[in-house]
Amino acid sequence: MATADPDRPGFLLPLLLLAGFRTLIDDLHAELARQGHPELRPLHGFVLQAVGAEGTTATELGQRLGVSKQAAGKTVDRLVVLGYLERADDPRDARRKLVRATPHGLDGLRRSAAVFDQLRQRWAATLGPDRVAALEDDLRAVTPANPFRLDVPGWFGG
């Protein structure tokens, strides 16, 4: 068995990955606030993604996020008040209520995508485009094929 490098203990890798993630998310939300979305929080991005273009029910949303229906409903309530989501009758089943993104919510998602592109460019300017591309390639090699997991809120809380 190989001995650990005392200058690079194993526990440091996940902390550095988390710090990188946190830096990107904090920078994203600072820019979104400047662009008219000061109330968006990291959890809200997961919720908006999980709602999707067609909308979903609170039960399905909870399943997608890995949280209870009640926890999903509480977040939906907050995002409805903030104008990012709306509740509507399901045109295919009158017994169901859908949760859908509003134009304001879709604007937040569009702006997030653009800001992430800008943040990637900033990292490339600091580290070099080849190193950022290599970092992405290396992370793809050690992570599942679908890196986007909507159940992160439930995973963190569970």
Protein backbone atom coordinates (compact mmCIF):
# COMPACT_ATOMS: atom_id res chain seq x y z
CA MET A 1 0.00 0.00 0.00
CA ALA A 2 1.29 3.45 -0.93
CA THR A 3 1.94 5.86 1.90
CA ALA A 4 0.03 9.12 1.98
CA ASP A 5 1.80 12.32 1.04
CA PRO A 6 1.84 14.38 4.27
CA ASP A 7 1.60 17.57 2.17
CA ARG A 8 -1.50 16.24 0.38
CA PRO A 9 -3.68 14.34 2.87
CA GLY A 10 -6.67 12.52 1.41
CA PHE A 11 -9.25 14.62 3.25
CA LEU A 12 -7.99 17.76 1.50
CA LEU A 13 -9.23 16.75 -1.96
CA PRO A 14 -12.97 16.85 -1.16
CA LEU A 15 -12.47 20.08 0.79
CA LEU A 16 -10.75 21.72 -2.18
CA LEU A 17 -13.44 20.46 -4.57
CA LEU A 18 -16.12 21.83 -2.25
CA ALA A 19 -14.27 25.14 -1.92
CA GLY A 20 -14.07 25.42 -5.71
CA PHE A 21 -17.79 24.67 -5.99
CA ARG A 22 -18.60 27.16 -3.24
CA THR A 23 -16.49 29.85 -4.90
CA LEU A 24 -18.30 29.39 -8.22
CA ILE A 25 -21.73 29.39 -6.55
CA ASP A 26 -20.97 32.44 -4.39
CA ASP A 27 -19.66 34.33 -7.44
CA LEU A 28 -22.73 33.26 -9.44
CA HIS A 29 -25.13 34.55 -6.80
CA ALA A 30 -23.27 37.83 -6.37
CA GLU A 31 -23.59 38.44 -10.12
CA LEU A 32 -27.22 37.31 -10.22
CA ALA A 33 -27.97 39.81 -7.44
CA ARG A 34 -26.38 42.56 -9.56
CA GLN A 35 -28.52 41.45 -12.50
CA GLY A 36 -31.83 41.68 -10.65
CA HIS A 37 -32.09 38.35 -8.84
CA PRO A 38 -30.88 39.15 -5.29
CA GLU A 39 -33.25 36.66 -3.65
CA LEU A 40 -32.06 33.55 -5.52
CA ARG A 41 -30.19 31.06 -3.33
CA PRO A 42 -28.19 27.95 -4.30
CA LEU A 43 -31.09 25.63 -3.42
CA HIS A 44 -33.38 27.61 -5.71
CA GLY A 45 -31.28 26.71 -8.75
CA PHE A 46 -31.73 23.00 -8.03
CA VAL A 47 -35.47 23.53 -7.60
CA LEU A 48 -35.86 25.51 -10.82
CA GLN A 49 -33.92 22.84 -12.71
CA ALA A 50 -36.02 20.07 -11.15
CA VAL A 51 -39.27 21.84 -12.07
CA GLY A 52 -38.16 21.79 -15.69
CA ALA A 53 -39.75 23.33 -18.76
CA GLU A 54 -43.01 21.39 -18.48
CA GLY A 55 -43.54 21.82 -14.75
CA THR A 56 -44.08 19.10 -12.17
CA THR A 57 -46.09 18.28 -9.07
CA ALA A 58 -44.84 18.93 -5.54
CA THR A 59 -44.61 15.16 -4.96
CA GLU A 60 -42.52 14.62 -8.11
CA LEU A 61 -40.38 17.63 -7.22
CA GLY A 62 -39.63 16.18 -3.80
CA GLN A 63 -38.61 12.87 -5.41
CA ARG A 64 -36.34 14.61 -7.91
CA LEU A 65 -34.67 16.62 -5.16
CA GLY A 66 -34.44 13.73 -2.71
CA VAL A 67 -36.49 15.60 -0.10
CA SER A 68 -39.96 15.17 1.37
CA LYS A 69 -43.05 16.55 -0.36
CA GLN A 70 -43.38 18.94 2.58
CA ALA A 71 -39.82 20.24 2.22
CA ALA A 72 -40.32 20.69 -1.52
CA GLY A 73 -43.63 22.43 -0.88
CA LYS A 74 -42.03 24.86 1.56
CA THR A 75 -39.40 25.85 -1.00
CA VAL A 76 -42.04 26.12 -3.72
CA ASP A 77 -44.09 28.41 -1.46
CA ARG A 78 -41.07 30.68 -1.06
CA LEU A 79 -40.31 30.72 -4.79
CA VAL A 80 -43.97 31.49 -5.58
CA VAL A 81 -43.83 34.49 -3.22
CA LEU A 82 -40.60 35.64 -4.90
CA GLY A 83 -42.16 35.28 -8.37
CA TYR A 84 -39.96 32.44 -9.66
CA LEU A 85 -42.60 29.71 -9.64
CA GLU A 86 -46.36 29.49 -10.00
CA ARG A 87 -48.96 26.85 -9.25
CA ALA A 88 -51.41 25.98 -12.02
CA ASP A 89 -54.01 23.35 -12.87
CA ASP A 90 -52.63 20.43 -14.87
CA PRO A 91 -54.38 20.56 -18.27
CA ARG A 92 -54.08 16.75 -18.55
CA ASP A 93 -55.49 15.95 -15.10
CA ALA A 94 -57.75 18.38 -13.23
CA ARG A 95 -56.97 16.65 -9.92
CA ARG A 96 -53.30 17.63 -10.11
CA LYS A 97 -51.62 20.95 -9.48
CA LEU A 98 -48.48 21.74 -11.41
CA VAL A 99 -45.56 23.84 -10.27
CA ARG A 100 -44.13 25.83 -13.19
CA ALA A 101 -41.38 28.37 -13.69
CA THR A 102 -42.56 31.91 -14.37
CA PRO A 103 -40.87 34.20 -16.91
CA HIS A 104 -38.90 35.64 -13.95
CA GLY A 105 -37.76 32.11 -13.01
CA LEU A 106 -36.77 31.31 -16.58
CA ASP A 107 -34.84 34.59 -16.72
CA GLY A 108 -32.93 33.55 -13.58
CA LEU A 109 -32.04 30.21 -15.20
CA ARG A 110 -30.91 31.87 -18.46
CA ARG A 111 -28.79 34.39 -16.58
CA SER A 112 -27.27 31.62 -14.44
CA ALA A 113 -26.12 29.76 -17.55
CA ALA A 114 -24.53 32.91 -18.97
CA VAL A 115 -22.83 33.76 -15.67
CA PHE A 116 -21.43 30.22 -15.37
CA ASP A 117 -19.89 30.67 -18.83
CA GLN A 118 -18.31 33.93 -17.65
CA LEU A 119 -17.00 32.30 -14.47
CA ARG A 120 -15.46 29.46 -16.48
CA GLN A 121 -13.75 32.08 -18.66
CA ARG A 122 -12.45 33.81 -15.52
CA TRP A 123 -10.98 30.52 -14.26
CA ALA A 124 -9.45 29.96 -17.71
CA ALA A 125 -7.88 33.42 -17.59
CA THR A 126 -6.38 32.62 -14.17
CA LEU A 127 -5.33 28.99 -14.67
CA GLY A 128 -5.09 28.82 -18.44
CA PRO A 129 -7.70 27.34 -20.78
CA ASP A 130 -5.78 24.06 -21.15
CA ARG A 131 -5.65 23.50 -17.38
CA VAL A 132 -9.37 24.20 -16.96
CA ALA A 133 -10.15 21.80 -19.83
CA ALA A 134 -7.84 19.19 -18.27
CA LEU A 135 -9.52 19.66 -14.89
CA GLU A 136 -12.93 19.10 -16.48
CA ASP A 137 -11.64 16.02 -18.35
CA ASP A 138 -10.08 14.61 -15.19
CA LEU A 139 -13.27 15.14 -13.18
CA ARG A 140 -15.30 13.44 -15.94
CA ALA A 141 -12.96 10.45 -15.70
CA VAL A 142 -13.67 9.95 -11.97
CA THR A 143 -17.36 10.90 -11.76
CA PRO A 144 -20.53 9.24 -13.07
CA ALA A 145 -21.53 9.84 -16.68
CA ASN A 146 -24.36 12.17 -15.60
CA PRO A 147 -22.72 14.62 -13.19
CA PHE A 148 -25.85 16.73 -12.72
CA ARG A 149 -27.74 15.27 -9.79
CA LEU A 150 -30.82 17.15 -8.71
CA ASP A 151 -30.98 15.22 -5.43
CA VAL A 152 -28.03 17.12 -3.96
CA PRO A 153 -30.28 19.03 -1.51
CA GLY A 154 -31.61 15.75 -0.10
CA TRP A 155 -28.16 14.16 -0.15
CA PHE A 156 -26.68 17.05 1.86
CA GLY A 157 -29.58 17.01 4.29
CA GLY A 158 -30.01 13.27 4.53
